[in-house]
Amino acid sequence: KAGEMIEKGQRLIQAQDIVLQLADALDAEGAGPGGLEIVGNLERLYLYIYRRLIKGNNALDIGAIEEARKLMSNLYEAWELALETDPETLPPARARL
């Protein structure tokens, strides 16, 4: 919005790289039977966010950038909550995730 086109492009490319690294870090083999669906959903979500960042960068689509930012913010909050959750309080199937 401030017109810093070069910095915008650099930051969005950095964000794209981070999202791809998150997608690549998913471990379907180590997820276990109950985690495969979660891994698949996360992978699809990361790739959707990646495509929104590309559209935001290439087409100067602020809505796409804001959507990607909001989705990543929601994921971040969910991961923080998951880290705070005591595995002993979860049902056994979820404790393995």
N, C-alpha and C. Protein backbone atom coordinates (compact mmCIF):
# COMPACT_ATOMS: atom_id res chain seq x y z
N LYS A 1 0.83 -1.19 0.00
CA LYS A 1 0.00 0.00 0.00
C LYS A 1 0.87 1.25 0.00
N ALA A 2 2.08 1.15 0.53
CA ALA A 2 2.95 2.33 0.62
C ALA A 2 3.73 2.57 -0.67
N GLY A 3 3.58 1.69 -1.65
CA GLY A 3 4.26 1.88 -2.92
C GLY A 3 5.68 1.35 -2.96
N GLU A 4 6.09 0.62 -1.97
CA GLU A 4 7.44 0.04 -1.92
C GLU A 4 7.45 -1.27 -2.71
N MET A 5 7.48 -1.17 -4.02
CA MET A 5 7.30 -2.33 -4.89
C MET A 5 8.44 -3.35 -4.78
N ILE A 6 9.66 -2.88 -4.70
CA ILE A 6 10.79 -3.82 -4.61
C ILE A 6 10.75 -4.56 -3.29
N GLU A 7 10.54 -3.84 -2.20
CA GLU A 7 10.46 -4.49 -0.89
C GLU A 7 9.26 -5.43 -0.81
N LYS A 8 8.14 -5.03 -1.40
CA LYS A 8 6.95 -5.87 -1.44
C LYS A 8 7.27 -7.19 -2.11
N GLY A 9 7.90 -7.11 -3.26
CA GLY A 9 8.25 -8.32 -4.00
C GLY A 9 9.20 -9.21 -3.22
N GLN A 10 10.20 -8.62 -2.59
CA GLN A 10 11.16 -9.41 -1.81
C GLN A 10 10.49 -10.10 -0.63
N ARG A 11 9.63 -9.38 0.06
CA ARG A 11 8.96 -9.97 1.23
C ARG A 11 7.99 -11.07 0.82
N LEU A 12 7.28 -10.87 -0.28
CA LEU A 12 6.35 -11.90 -0.71
C LEU A 12 7.08 -13.14 -1.20
N ILE A 13 8.20 -12.97 -1.85
CA ILE A 13 9.00 -14.13 -2.28
C ILE A 13 9.54 -14.87 -1.05
N GLN A 14 9.96 -14.13 -0.04
CA GLN A 14 10.41 -14.75 1.20
C GLN A 14 9.26 -15.52 1.85
N ALA A 15 8.07 -14.93 1.87
CA ALA A 15 6.90 -15.61 2.44
C ALA A 15 6.57 -16.87 1.64
N GLN A 16 6.68 -16.80 0.32
CA GLN A 16 6.44 -17.97 -0.52
C GLN A 16 7.42 -19.09 -0.17
N ASP A 17 8.69 -18.74 0.00
CA ASP A 17 9.71 -19.73 0.35
C ASP A 17 9.40 -20.39 1.70
N ILE A 18 8.97 -19.59 2.66
CA ILE A 18 8.64 -20.12 3.99
C ILE A 18 7.48 -21.09 3.89
N VAL A 19 6.44 -20.72 3.15
CA VAL A 19 5.27 -21.58 3.02
C VAL A 19 5.64 -22.89 2.34
N LEU A 20 6.49 -22.83 1.31
CA LEU A 20 6.94 -24.06 0.65
C LEU A 20 7.75 -24.94 1.60
N GLN A 21 8.58 -24.32 2.43
CA GLN A 21 9.35 -25.09 3.41
C GLN A 21 8.43 -25.77 4.41
N LEU A 22 7.38 -25.08 4.83
CA LEU A 22 6.41 -25.69 5.75
C LEU A 22 5.72 -26.88 5.09
N ALA A 23 5.35 -26.73 3.83
CA ALA A 23 4.71 -27.83 3.11
C ALA A 23 5.67 -29.01 2.95
N ASP A 24 6.93 -28.71 2.64
CA ASP A 24 7.94 -29.77 2.47
C ASP A 24 8.26 -30.48 3.78
N ALA A 25 8.08 -29.80 4.90
CA ALA A 25 8.41 -30.38 6.20
C ALA A 25 7.35 -31.35 6.71
N LEU A 26 6.19 -31.37 6.07
CA LEU A 26 5.13 -32.28 6.51
C LEU A 26 5.60 -33.72 6.33
N ASP A 27 5.31 -34.55 7.31
CA ASP A 27 5.79 -35.93 7.32
C ASP A 27 4.60 -36.89 7.31
N ALA A 28 4.18 -37.28 6.12
CA ALA A 28 3.04 -38.18 6.00
C ALA A 28 3.36 -39.55 6.58
N GLU A 29 4.60 -40.00 6.43
CA GLU A 29 4.97 -41.33 6.93
C GLU A 29 4.97 -41.38 8.45
N GLY A 30 5.39 -40.30 9.09
CA GLY A 30 5.46 -40.28 10.54
C GLY A 30 4.17 -39.84 11.21
N ALA A 31 3.17 -39.50 10.41
CA ALA A 31 1.92 -38.97 10.97
C ALA A 31 1.04 -40.05 11.57
N GLY A 32 1.22 -41.28 11.14
CA GLY A 32 0.36 -42.34 11.63
C GLY A 32 -0.98 -42.29 10.91
N PRO A 33 -1.81 -43.31 11.11
CA PRO A 33 -3.08 -43.39 10.38
C PRO A 33 -4.00 -42.20 10.62
N GLY A 34 -4.10 -41.72 11.84
CA GLY A 34 -4.99 -40.59 12.13
C GLY A 34 -4.45 -39.27 11.65
N GLY A 35 -3.16 -39.19 11.42
CA GLY A 35 -2.55 -37.93 11.03
C GLY A 35 -2.47 -37.70 9.54
N LEU A 36 -2.71 -38.74 8.75
CA LEU A 36 -2.60 -38.60 7.30
C LEU A 36 -3.57 -37.55 6.76
N GLU A 37 -4.77 -37.52 7.28
CA GLU A 37 -5.75 -36.54 6.82
C GLU A 37 -5.30 -35.12 7.18
N ILE A 38 -4.76 -34.96 8.37
CA ILE A 38 -4.27 -33.64 8.80
C ILE A 38 -3.12 -33.19 7.91
N VAL A 39 -2.19 -34.10 7.64
CA VAL A 39 -1.05 -33.77 6.79
C VAL A 39 -1.53 -33.36 5.40
N GLY A 40 -2.46 -34.11 4.83
CA GLY A 40 -3.00 -33.79 3.51
C GLY A 40 -3.70 -32.44 3.49
N ASN A 41 -4.49 -32.18 4.52
CA ASN A 41 -5.19 -30.89 4.60
C ASN A 41 -4.21 -29.74 4.75
N LEU A 42 -3.20 -29.91 5.58
CA LEU A 42 -2.19 -28.86 5.75
C LEU A 42 -1.43 -28.61 4.45
N GLU A 43 -1.09 -29.68 3.76
CA GLU A 43 -0.37 -29.52 2.50
C GLU A 43 -1.21 -28.73 1.49
N ARG A 44 -2.48 -29.07 1.38
CA ARG A 44 -3.35 -28.34 0.46
C ARG A 44 -3.49 -26.87 0.89
N LEU A 45 -3.59 -26.64 2.18
CA LEU A 45 -3.71 -25.27 2.67
C LEU A 45 -2.44 -24.48 2.39
N TYR A 46 -1.28 -25.07 2.67
CA TYR A 46 -0.02 -24.38 2.39
C TYR A 46 0.12 -24.04 0.91
N LEU A 47 -0.26 -24.98 0.05
CA LEU A 47 -0.13 -24.73 -1.38
C LEU A 47 -1.14 -23.67 -1.85
N TYR A 48 -2.31 -23.65 -1.24
CA TYR A 48 -3.29 -22.59 -1.54
C TYR A 48 -2.72 -21.23 -1.13
N ILE A 49 -2.16 -21.16 0.06
CA ILE A 49 -1.56 -19.91 0.53
C ILE A 49 -0.42 -19.48 -0.40
N TYR A 50 0.38 -20.43 -0.83
CA TYR A 50 1.48 -20.16 -1.75
C TYR A 50 0.95 -19.52 -3.05
N ARG A 51 -0.12 -20.12 -3.59
CA ARG A 51 -0.70 -19.58 -4.83
C ARG A 51 -1.28 -18.18 -4.61
N ARG A 52 -1.88 -17.93 -3.45
CA ARG A 52 -2.41 -16.60 -3.15
C ARG A 52 -1.28 -15.57 -3.06
N LEU A 53 -0.15 -15.97 -2.48
CA LEU A 53 1.00 -15.07 -2.40
C LEU A 53 1.54 -14.74 -3.79
N ILE A 54 1.59 -15.75 -4.65
CA ILE A 54 2.05 -15.51 -6.02
C ILE A 54 1.10 -14.54 -6.74
N LYS A 55 -0.20 -14.79 -6.59
CA LYS A 55 -1.17 -13.89 -7.23
C LYS A 55 -1.03 -12.48 -6.66
N GLY A 56 -0.88 -12.37 -5.37
CA GLY A 56 -0.71 -11.06 -4.75
C GLY A 56 0.50 -10.33 -5.27
N ASN A 57 1.58 -11.06 -5.48
CA ASN A 57 2.82 -10.46 -5.96
C ASN A 57 2.73 -10.10 -7.44
N ASN A 58 2.27 -11.04 -8.25
CA ASN A 58 2.26 -10.82 -9.70
C ASN A 58 1.16 -9.87 -10.16
N ALA A 59 -0.01 -9.94 -9.54
CA ALA A 59 -1.15 -9.15 -9.99
C ALA A 59 -1.43 -7.96 -9.06
N LEU A 60 -0.53 -7.73 -8.10
CA LEU A 60 -0.73 -6.66 -7.12
C LEU A 60 -2.11 -6.77 -6.46
N ASP A 61 -2.48 -8.00 -6.12
CA ASP A 61 -3.78 -8.29 -5.53
C ASP A 61 -3.66 -8.24 -4.00
N ILE A 62 -4.01 -7.11 -3.43
CA ILE A 62 -3.90 -6.92 -1.99
C ILE A 62 -4.81 -7.89 -1.24
N GLY A 63 -5.98 -8.18 -1.81
CA GLY A 63 -6.90 -9.12 -1.18
C GLY A 63 -6.29 -10.50 -1.03
N ALA A 64 -5.55 -10.95 -2.04
CA ALA A 64 -4.90 -12.26 -1.99
C ALA A 64 -3.81 -12.27 -0.91
N ILE A 65 -3.06 -11.18 -0.83
CA ILE A 65 -2.01 -11.08 0.18
C ILE A 65 -2.61 -11.08 1.57
N GLU A 66 -3.67 -10.31 1.76
CA GLU A 66 -4.31 -10.25 3.08
C GLU A 66 -4.93 -11.60 3.46
N GLU A 67 -5.50 -12.30 2.48
CA GLU A 67 -6.05 -13.63 2.76
C GLU A 67 -4.95 -14.59 3.20
N ALA A 68 -3.84 -14.58 2.49
CA ALA A 68 -2.71 -15.46 2.85
C ALA A 68 -2.20 -15.12 4.24
N ARG A 69 -2.10 -13.84 4.53
CA ARG A 69 -1.63 -13.40 5.85
C ARG A 69 -2.57 -13.86 6.96
N LYS A 70 -3.87 -13.73 6.72
CA LYS A 70 -4.85 -14.14 7.72
C LYS A 70 -4.81 -15.66 7.94
N LEU A 71 -4.71 -16.41 6.87
CA LEU A 71 -4.64 -17.87 7.00
C LEU A 71 -3.39 -18.29 7.78
N MET A 72 -2.26 -17.67 7.48
CA MET A 72 -1.03 -18.01 8.19
C MET A 72 -1.12 -17.59 9.65
N SER A 73 -1.74 -16.47 9.92
CA SER A 73 -1.92 -16.02 11.30
C SER A 73 -2.79 -17.01 12.07
N ASN A 74 -3.86 -17.48 11.45
CA ASN A 74 -4.72 -18.48 12.09
C ASN A 74 -3.96 -19.78 12.36
N LEU A 75 -3.16 -20.19 11.39
CA LEU A 75 -2.36 -21.41 11.59
C LEU A 75 -1.36 -21.24 12.72
N TYR A 76 -0.74 -20.07 12.77
CA TYR A 76 0.23 -19.79 13.83
C TYR A 76 -0.43 -19.88 15.20
N GLU A 77 -1.61 -19.28 15.33
CA GLU A 77 -2.33 -19.35 16.59
C GLU A 77 -2.69 -20.79 16.95
N ALA A 78 -3.09 -21.57 15.96
CA ALA A 78 -3.44 -22.98 16.21
C ALA A 78 -2.21 -23.77 16.66
N TRP A 79 -1.06 -23.51 16.03
CA TRP A 79 0.17 -24.22 16.43
C TRP A 79 0.57 -23.81 17.85
N GLU A 80 0.43 -22.53 18.17
CA GLU A 80 0.74 -22.09 19.54
C GLU A 80 -0.14 -22.81 20.55
N LEU A 81 -1.42 -22.91 20.26
CA LEU A 81 -2.36 -23.59 21.14
C LEU A 81 -2.00 -25.07 21.27
N ALA A 82 -1.64 -25.67 20.16
CA ALA A 82 -1.26 -27.09 20.19
C ALA A 82 -0.03 -27.31 21.06
N LEU A 83 0.93 -26.39 21.01
CA LEU A 83 2.13 -26.52 21.83
C LEU A 83 1.84 -26.35 23.31
N GLU A 84 0.82 -25.55 23.62
CA GLU A 84 0.45 -25.33 25.02
C GLU A 84 -0.39 -26.46 25.59
N THR A 85 -1.00 -27.26 24.73
CA THR A 85 -1.90 -28.32 25.18
C THR A 85 -1.10 -29.47 25.77
N ASP A 86 -1.49 -29.89 26.94
CA ASP A 86 -0.84 -31.01 27.62
C ASP A 86 -1.29 -32.31 26.95
N PRO A 87 -0.37 -33.09 26.38
CA PRO A 87 -0.75 -34.34 25.71
C PRO A 87 -1.52 -35.31 26.62
N GLU A 88 -1.32 -35.19 27.92
CA GLU A 88 -2.01 -36.08 28.85
C GLU A 88 -3.51 -35.81 28.88
N THR A 89 -3.93 -34.61 28.50
CA THR A 89 -5.36 -34.27 28.55
C THR A 89 -6.08 -34.61 27.25
N LEU A 90 -5.35 -35.01 26.22
CA LEU A 90 -5.96 -35.35 24.95
C LEU A 90 -6.37 -36.82 24.93
N PRO A 91 -7.39 -37.14 24.13
CA PRO A 91 -7.71 -38.57 23.94
C PRO A 91 -6.51 -39.28 23.33
N PRO A 92 -6.34 -40.56 23.57
CA PRO A 92 -5.15 -41.29 23.11
C PRO A 92 -4.86 -41.14 21.61
N ALA A 93 -5.86 -41.15 20.75
CA ALA A 93 -5.61 -41.03 19.31
C ALA A 93 -4.98 -39.68 18.96
N ARG A 94 -5.35 -38.64 19.67
CA ARG A 94 -4.82 -37.31 19.37
C ARG A 94 -3.46 -37.09 20.02
N ALA A 95 -3.18 -37.77 21.09
CA ALA A 95 -1.90 -37.58 21.79
C ALA A 95 -0.74 -37.97 20.90
N ARG A 96 -0.94 -38.87 19.97
CA ARG A 96 0.14 -39.30 19.07
C ARG A 96 0.47 -38.28 18.01
N LEU A 97 -0.44 -37.35 17.73
CA LEU A 97 -0.18 -36.34 16.70
C LEU A 97 0.81 -35.38 17.25
